[in-house]
């Protein structure tokens, strides 16, 4: 019986996990192989080198947080308000390796030191904002209002983990729900 190879996707996923917890420096072939319980030789059957893995990791992340999310939102029925509501639910519940805020923040931190990653991040953020604009335009006639809602929605997604303020008389969940309702009106 032949030896089963560790799938390429598992290497990418483990690399993303390492990136999320330790930044790009934590994405090392030996460490990934150990986490996967395999020898590092299998890595080279898929990737030329570590840089090739890093590129494929970013490709997977970009695909999932843009087109992957959009496809999930668009699959459901309803108008733009219903799609925004689905998007908010999907984002609030996303804690997977590719879609969790931790990975998004790690990519943002990496982009501060790597121009190619910064360019990719700008492309991802622009795609996300363009999609938000397409949905909010159905709710708002004023382009300034559309842009403000898009920015607030996006900033809340990225910044919420950093906000530790109390909300007297309310839970964070209640305030987030109220914010969601306000954005959808």
C-alpha atoms as a PDB file:
ATOM      1  CA  UNK A   1       0.000   0.000   0.000  1.00  0.00           C
ATOM      2  CA  UNK A   2       1.365   3.457  -0.942  1.00  0.00           C
ATOM      3  CA  UNK A   3       2.012   6.290   1.442  1.00  0.00           C
ATOM      4  CA  UNK A   4      -0.740   8.903   1.574  1.00  0.00           C
ATOM      5  CA  UNK A   5       0.516  12.407   0.869  1.00  0.00           C
ATOM      6  CA  UNK A   6      -0.543  15.343   2.959  1.00  0.00           C
ATOM      7  CA  UNK A   7      -2.800  17.385   0.671  1.00  0.00           C
ATOM      8  CA  UNK A   8      -1.552  20.736  -0.579  1.00  0.00           C
ATOM      9  CA  UNK A   9      -4.536  22.454   1.062  1.00  0.00           C
ATOM     10  CA  UNK A  10      -3.441  21.169   4.485  1.00  0.00           C
ATOM     11  CA  UNK A  11      -0.011  22.765   4.066  1.00  0.00           C
ATOM     12  CA  UNK A  12      -1.680  26.046   3.088  1.00  0.00           C
ATOM     13  CA  UNK A  13      -4.144  25.873   5.966  1.00  0.00           C
ATOM     14  CA  UNK A  14      -1.406  25.109   8.470  1.00  0.00           C
ATOM     15  CA  UNK A  15       0.658  27.958   7.031  1.00  0.00           C
ATOM     16  CA  UNK A  16      -2.282  30.321   7.483  1.00  0.00           C
ATOM     17  CA  UNK A  17      -2.708  29.101  11.044  1.00  0.00           C
ATOM     18  CA  UNK A  18       0.963  29.840  11.722  1.00  0.00           C
ATOM     19  CA  UNK A  19       0.667  33.252  10.070  1.00  0.00           C
ATOM     20  CA  UNK A  20      -2.368  34.116  12.188  1.00  0.00           C
ATOM     21  CA  UNK A  21      -0.636  33.237  15.429  1.00  0.00           C
ATOM     22  CA  UNK A  22       2.930  34.303  14.758  1.00  0.00           C
ATOM     23  CA  UNK A  23       3.185  36.367  11.595  1.00  0.00           C
ATOM     24  CA  UNK A  24       5.064  35.458   8.421  1.00  0.00           C
ATOM     25  CA  UNK A  25       8.206  34.528  10.370  1.00  0.00           C
ATOM     26  CA  UNK A  26       6.287  31.681  11.991  1.00  0.00           C
ATOM     27  CA  UNK A  27       5.606  30.089   8.589  1.00  0.00           C
ATOM     28  CA  UNK A  28       8.547  27.686   8.474  1.00  0.00           C
ATOM     29  CA  UNK A  29       8.564  24.377   6.645  1.00  0.00           C
ATOM     30  CA  UNK A  30       9.906  22.336   9.557  1.00  0.00           C
ATOM     31  CA  UNK A  31       7.380  23.796  11.986  1.00  0.00           C
ATOM     32  CA  UNK A  32       4.496  23.186   9.574  1.00  0.00           C
ATOM     33  CA  UNK A  33       5.609  19.608   8.954  1.00  0.00           C
ATOM     34  CA  UNK A  34       5.782  18.993  12.683  1.00  0.00           C
ATOM     35  CA  UNK A  35       2.296  20.469  13.196  1.00  0.00           C
ATOM     36  CA  UNK A  36       0.989  18.227  10.406  1.00  0.00           C
ATOM     37  CA  UNK A  37       2.813  15.200  11.778  1.00  0.00           C
ATOM     38  CA  UNK A  38       4.713  14.585   8.550  1.00  0.00           C
ATOM     39  CA  UNK A  39       8.229  14.973   7.215  1.00  0.00           C
ATOM     40  CA  UNK A  40       9.130  18.198   5.451  1.00  0.00           C
ATOM     41  CA  UNK A  41       9.975  16.280   2.266  1.00  0.00           C
ATOM     42  CA  UNK A  42       6.311  16.234   1.244  1.00  0.00           C
ATOM     43  CA  UNK A  43       6.298  20.020   1.231  1.00  0.00           C
ATOM     44  CA  UNK A  44       8.635  20.145  -1.763  1.00  0.00           C
ATOM     45  CA  UNK A  45       6.310  17.946  -3.777  1.00  0.00           C
ATOM     46  CA  UNK A  46       3.898  20.886  -3.848  1.00  0.00           C
ATOM     47  CA  UNK A  47       5.941  24.029  -3.366  1.00  0.00           C
ATOM     48  CA  UNK A  48       9.203  25.186  -4.890  1.00  0.00           C
ATOM     49  CA  UNK A  49      10.115  26.996  -1.677  1.00  0.00           C
ATOM     50  CA  UNK A  50       8.706  28.862   1.292  1.00  0.00           C
ATOM     51  CA  UNK A  51       7.961  31.939  -0.848  1.00  0.00           C
ATOM     52  CA  UNK A  52       5.738  29.835  -3.110  1.00  0.00           C
ATOM     53  CA  UNK A  53       3.802  28.668  -0.058  1.00  0.00           C
ATOM     54  CA  UNK A  54       3.421  32.238   1.217  1.00  0.00           C
ATOM     55  CA  UNK A  55       2.047  33.303  -2.169  1.00  0.00           C
ATOM     56  CA  UNK A  56      -0.452  30.447  -2.251  1.00  0.00           C
ATOM     57  CA  UNK A  57      -1.468  31.217   1.321  1.00  0.00           C
ATOM     58  CA  UNK A  58      -2.244  34.807   0.350  1.00  0.00           C
ATOM     59  CA  UNK A  59      -4.071  33.580  -2.767  1.00  0.00           C
ATOM     60  CA  UNK A  60      -6.271  31.313  -0.628  1.00  0.00           C
ATOM     61  CA  UNK A  61      -6.938  34.065   1.907  1.00  0.00           C
ATOM     62  CA  UNK A  62      -7.777  36.615  -0.793  1.00  0.00           C
ATOM     63  CA  UNK A  63     -10.119  34.242  -2.608  1.00  0.00           C
ATOM     64  CA  UNK A  64     -11.959  33.271   0.566  1.00  0.00           C
ATOM     65  CA  UNK A  65     -12.411  36.749   2.072  1.00  0.00           C
ATOM     66  CA  UNK A  66     -13.565  38.300  -1.185  1.00  0.00           C
ATOM     67  CA  UNK A  67     -15.201  36.057  -3.763  1.00  0.00           C
ATOM     68  CA  UNK A  68     -15.838  33.249  -1.263  1.00  0.00           C
ATOM     69  CA  UNK A  69     -17.765  35.530   1.085  1.00  0.00           C
ATOM     70  CA  UNK A  70     -19.589  37.264  -1.768  1.00  0.00           C
ATOM     71  CA  UNK A  71     -20.663  33.922  -3.246  1.00  0.00           C
ATOM     72  CA  UNK A  72     -22.061  32.798   0.116  1.00  0.00           C
ATOM     73  CA  UNK A  73     -23.998  36.030   0.533  1.00  0.00           C
ATOM     74  CA  UNK A  74     -25.323  36.005  -3.024  1.00  0.00           C
ATOM     75  CA  UNK A  75     -26.565  32.394  -2.791  1.00  0.00           C
ATOM     76  CA  UNK A  76     -29.435  33.433  -0.557  1.00  0.00           C
ATOM     77  CA  UNK A  77     -32.618  35.055  -1.733  1.00  0.00           C
ATOM     78  CA  UNK A  78     -33.689  38.592  -1.062  1.00  0.00           C
ATOM     79  CA  UNK A  79     -32.859  42.162  -1.828  1.00  0.00           C
ATOM     80  CA  UNK A  80     -29.737  44.119  -0.907  1.00  0.00           C
ATOM     81  CA  UNK A  81     -30.903  44.629   2.698  1.00  0.00           C
ATOM     82  CA  UNK A  82     -31.329  40.861   3.090  1.00  0.00           C
ATOM     83  CA  UNK A  83     -27.897  40.284   1.568  1.00  0.00           C
ATOM     84  CA  UNK A  84     -26.319  42.836   3.905  1.00  0.00           C
ATOM     85  CA  UNK A  85     -28.010  41.128   6.820  1.00  0.00           C
ATOM     86  CA  UNK A  86     -26.604  37.782   5.619  1.00  0.00           C
ATOM     87  CA  UNK A  87     -23.179  39.337   5.212  1.00  0.00           C
ATOM     88  CA  UNK A  88     -23.252  40.727   8.747  1.00  0.00           C
ATOM     89  CA  UNK A  89     -24.285  37.327  10.117  1.00  0.00           C
ATOM     90  CA  UNK A  90     -21.664  35.495   8.087  1.00  0.00           C
ATOM     91  CA  UNK A  91     -18.896  37.849   9.180  1.00  0.00           C
ATOM     92  CA  UNK A  92     -19.985  37.781  12.824  1.00  0.00           C
ATOM     93  CA  UNK A  93     -19.914  33.989  12.825  1.00  0.00           C
ATOM     94  CA  UNK A  94     -16.717  33.548  10.827  1.00  0.00           C
ATOM     95  CA  UNK A  95     -13.901  32.279  12.939  1.00  0.00           C
ATOM     96  CA  UNK A  96     -12.316  29.850  10.508  1.00  0.00           C
ATOM     97  CA  UNK A  97      -8.652  29.833   9.610  1.00  0.00           C
ATOM     98  CA  UNK A  98      -9.229  31.801   6.402  1.00  0.00           C
ATOM     99  CA  UNK A  99     -12.066  34.073   7.443  1.00  0.00           C
ATOM    100  CA  UNK A 100     -11.345  34.882  11.069  1.00  0.00           C
ATOM    101  CA  UNK A 101     -10.305  38.342  12.171  1.00  0.00           C
ATOM    102  CA  UNK A 102      -7.021  37.017  13.574  1.00  0.00           C
ATOM    103  CA  UNK A 103      -5.721  36.125  10.118  1.00  0.00           C
ATOM    104  CA  UNK A 104      -6.979  39.386   8.647  1.00  0.00           C
ATOM    105  CA  UNK A 105      -5.062  41.301  11.320  1.00  0.00           C
ATOM    106  CA  UNK A 106      -1.923  39.225  10.729  1.00  0.00           C
ATOM    107  CA  UNK A 107      -2.043  40.019   7.001  1.00  0.00           C
ATOM    108  CA  UNK A 108      -2.484  43.717   7.830  1.00  0.00           C
ATOM    109  CA  UNK A 109       0.510  43.635  10.139  1.00  0.00           C
ATOM    110  CA  UNK A 110       2.577  41.845   7.479  1.00  0.00           C
ATOM    111  CA  UNK A 111       1.503  44.442   4.891  1.00  0.00           C
ATOM    112  CA  UNK A 112       3.102  47.167   7.011  1.00  0.00           C
ATOM    113  CA  UNK A 113       6.514  45.638   6.235  1.00  0.00           C
ATOM    114  CA  UNK A 114       6.034  44.136   2.773  1.00  0.00           C
ATOM    115  CA  UNK A 115       4.956  46.256  -0.191  1.00  0.00           C
ATOM    116  CA  UNK A 116       3.698  43.284  -2.248  1.00  0.00           C
ATOM    117  CA  UNK A 117       1.466  42.191   0.638  1.00  0.00           C
ATOM    118  CA  UNK A 118       0.330  45.808   1.067  1.00  0.00           C
ATOM    119  CA  UNK A 119      -0.699  45.940  -2.597  1.00  0.00           C
ATOM    120  CA  UNK A 120      -2.631  42.705  -2.240  1.00  0.00           C
ATOM    121  CA  UNK A 121      -4.315  43.959   0.935  1.00  0.00           C
ATOM    122  CA  UNK A 122      -5.351  47.161  -0.862  1.00  0.00           C
ATOM    123  CA  UNK A 123      -6.880  45.046  -3.646  1.00  0.00           C
ATOM    124  CA  UNK A 124      -8.752  42.915  -1.094  1.00  0.00           C
ATOM    125  CA  UNK A 125      -9.997  45.927   0.864  1.00  0.00           C
ATOM    126  CA  UNK A 126     -11.111  47.659  -2.338  1.00  0.00           C
ATOM    127  CA  UNK A 127     -13.005  44.548  -3.453  1.00  0.00           C
ATOM    128  CA  UNK A 128     -14.716  44.326  -0.073  1.00  0.00           C
ATOM    129  CA  UNK A 129     -15.615  48.026  -0.111  1.00  0.00           C
ATOM    130  CA  UNK A 130     -16.900  47.813  -3.702  1.00  0.00           C
ATOM    131  CA  UNK A 131     -19.197  44.969  -2.703  1.00  0.00           C
ATOM    132  CA  UNK A 132     -20.447  46.878   0.334  1.00  0.00           C
ATOM    133  CA  UNK A 133     -21.101  49.925  -1.878  1.00  0.00           C
ATOM    134  CA  UNK A 134     -23.131  47.818  -4.299  1.00  0.00           C
ATOM    135  CA  UNK A 135     -25.368  46.721  -1.437  1.00  0.00           C
ATOM    136  CA  UNK A 136     -25.646  49.991   0.492  1.00  0.00           C
ATOM    137  CA  UNK A 137     -26.526  51.962  -2.667  1.00  0.00           C
ATOM    138  CA  UNK A 138     -29.897  50.205  -2.652  1.00  0.00           C
ATOM    139  CA  UNK A 139     -30.543  51.560   0.863  1.00  0.00           C
ATOM    140  CA  UNK A 140     -29.116  55.074   0.481  1.00  0.00           C
ATOM    141  CA  UNK A 141     -29.430  57.637  -2.273  1.00  0.00           C
ATOM    142  CA  UNK A 142     -26.646  59.866  -0.984  1.00  0.00           C
ATOM    143  CA  UNK A 143     -23.170  58.654  -2.018  1.00  0.00           C
ATOM    144  CA  UNK A 144     -21.694  60.219   1.119  1.00  0.00           C
ATOM    145  CA  UNK A 145     -24.058  58.141   3.239  1.00  0.00           C
ATOM    146  CA  UNK A 146     -23.144  55.031   1.255  1.00  0.00           C
ATOM    147  CA  UNK A 147     -19.436  55.654   1.790  1.00  0.00           C
ATOM    148  CA  UNK A 148     -19.891  56.380   5.510  1.00  0.00           C
ATOM    149  CA  UNK A 149     -21.862  53.170   6.061  1.00  0.00           C
ATOM    150  CA  UNK A 150     -19.303  51.133   4.132  1.00  0.00           C
ATOM    151  CA  UNK A 151     -16.425  52.558   6.125  1.00  0.00           C
ATOM    152  CA  UNK A 152     -18.209  52.077   9.453  1.00  0.00           C
ATOM    153  CA  UNK A 153     -19.123  48.497   8.552  1.00  0.00           C
ATOM    154  CA  UNK A 154     -15.593  47.678   7.495  1.00  0.00           C
ATOM    155  CA  UNK A 155     -13.954  49.484  10.417  1.00  0.00           C
ATOM    156  CA  UNK A 156     -16.189  47.630  12.842  1.00  0.00           C
ATOM    157  CA  UNK A 157     -15.136  44.303  11.342  1.00  0.00           C
ATOM    158  CA  UNK A 158     -11.436  45.094  11.639  1.00  0.00           C
ATOM    159  CA  UNK A 159     -11.458  47.170  14.826  1.00  0.00           C
ATOM    160  CA  UNK A 160     -14.004  45.413  17.018  1.00  0.00           C
ATOM    161  CA  UNK A 161     -11.466  42.977  18.550  1.00  0.00           C
ATOM    162  CA  UNK A 162      -9.422  45.962  19.772  1.00  0.00           C
ATOM    163  CA  UNK A 163     -12.263  47.815  21.448  1.00  0.00           C
ATOM    164  CA  UNK A 164     -12.570  46.887  25.097  1.00  0.00           C
ATOM    165  CA  UNK A 165     -14.869  49.711  26.222  1.00  0.00           C
ATOM    166  CA  UNK A 166     -17.833  48.985  28.449  1.00  0.00           C
ATOM    167  CA  UNK A 167     -21.350  49.832  27.330  1.00  0.00           C
ATOM    168  CA  UNK A 168     -23.218  50.893  30.486  1.00  0.00           C
ATOM    169  CA  UNK A 169     -26.501  49.044  30.684  1.00  0.00           C
ATOM    170  CA  UNK A 170     -25.811  47.041  27.516  1.00  0.00           C
ATOM    171  CA  UNK A 171     -23.729  44.099  26.445  1.00  0.00           C
ATOM    172  CA  UNK A 172     -21.345  44.285  23.511  1.00  0.00           C
ATOM    173  CA  UNK A 173     -23.684  41.940  21.631  1.00  0.00           C
ATOM    174  CA  UNK A 174     -26.609  44.324  22.192  1.00  0.00           C
ATOM    175  CA  UNK A 175     -24.594  47.305  20.957  1.00  0.00           C
ATOM    176  CA  UNK A 176     -23.415  45.374  17.898  1.00  0.00           C
ATOM    177  CA  UNK A 177     -27.008  44.394  17.130  1.00  0.00           C
ATOM    178  CA  UNK A 178     -28.127  48.008  17.482  1.00  0.00           C
ATOM    179  CA  UNK A 179     -25.274  49.093  15.193  1.00  0.00           C
ATOM    180  CA  UNK A 180     -26.294  46.486  12.646  1.00  0.00           C
ATOM    181  CA  UNK A 181     -29.904  47.685  12.728  1.00  0.00           C
ATOM    182  CA  UNK A 182     -28.772  51.293  12.341  1.00  0.00           C
ATOM    183  CA  UNK A 183     -26.589  50.444   9.344  1.00  0.00           C
ATOM    184  CA  UNK A 184     -29.464  48.564   7.678  1.00  0.00           C
ATOM    185  CA  UNK A 185     -32.084  51.304   8.008  1.00  0.00           C
END
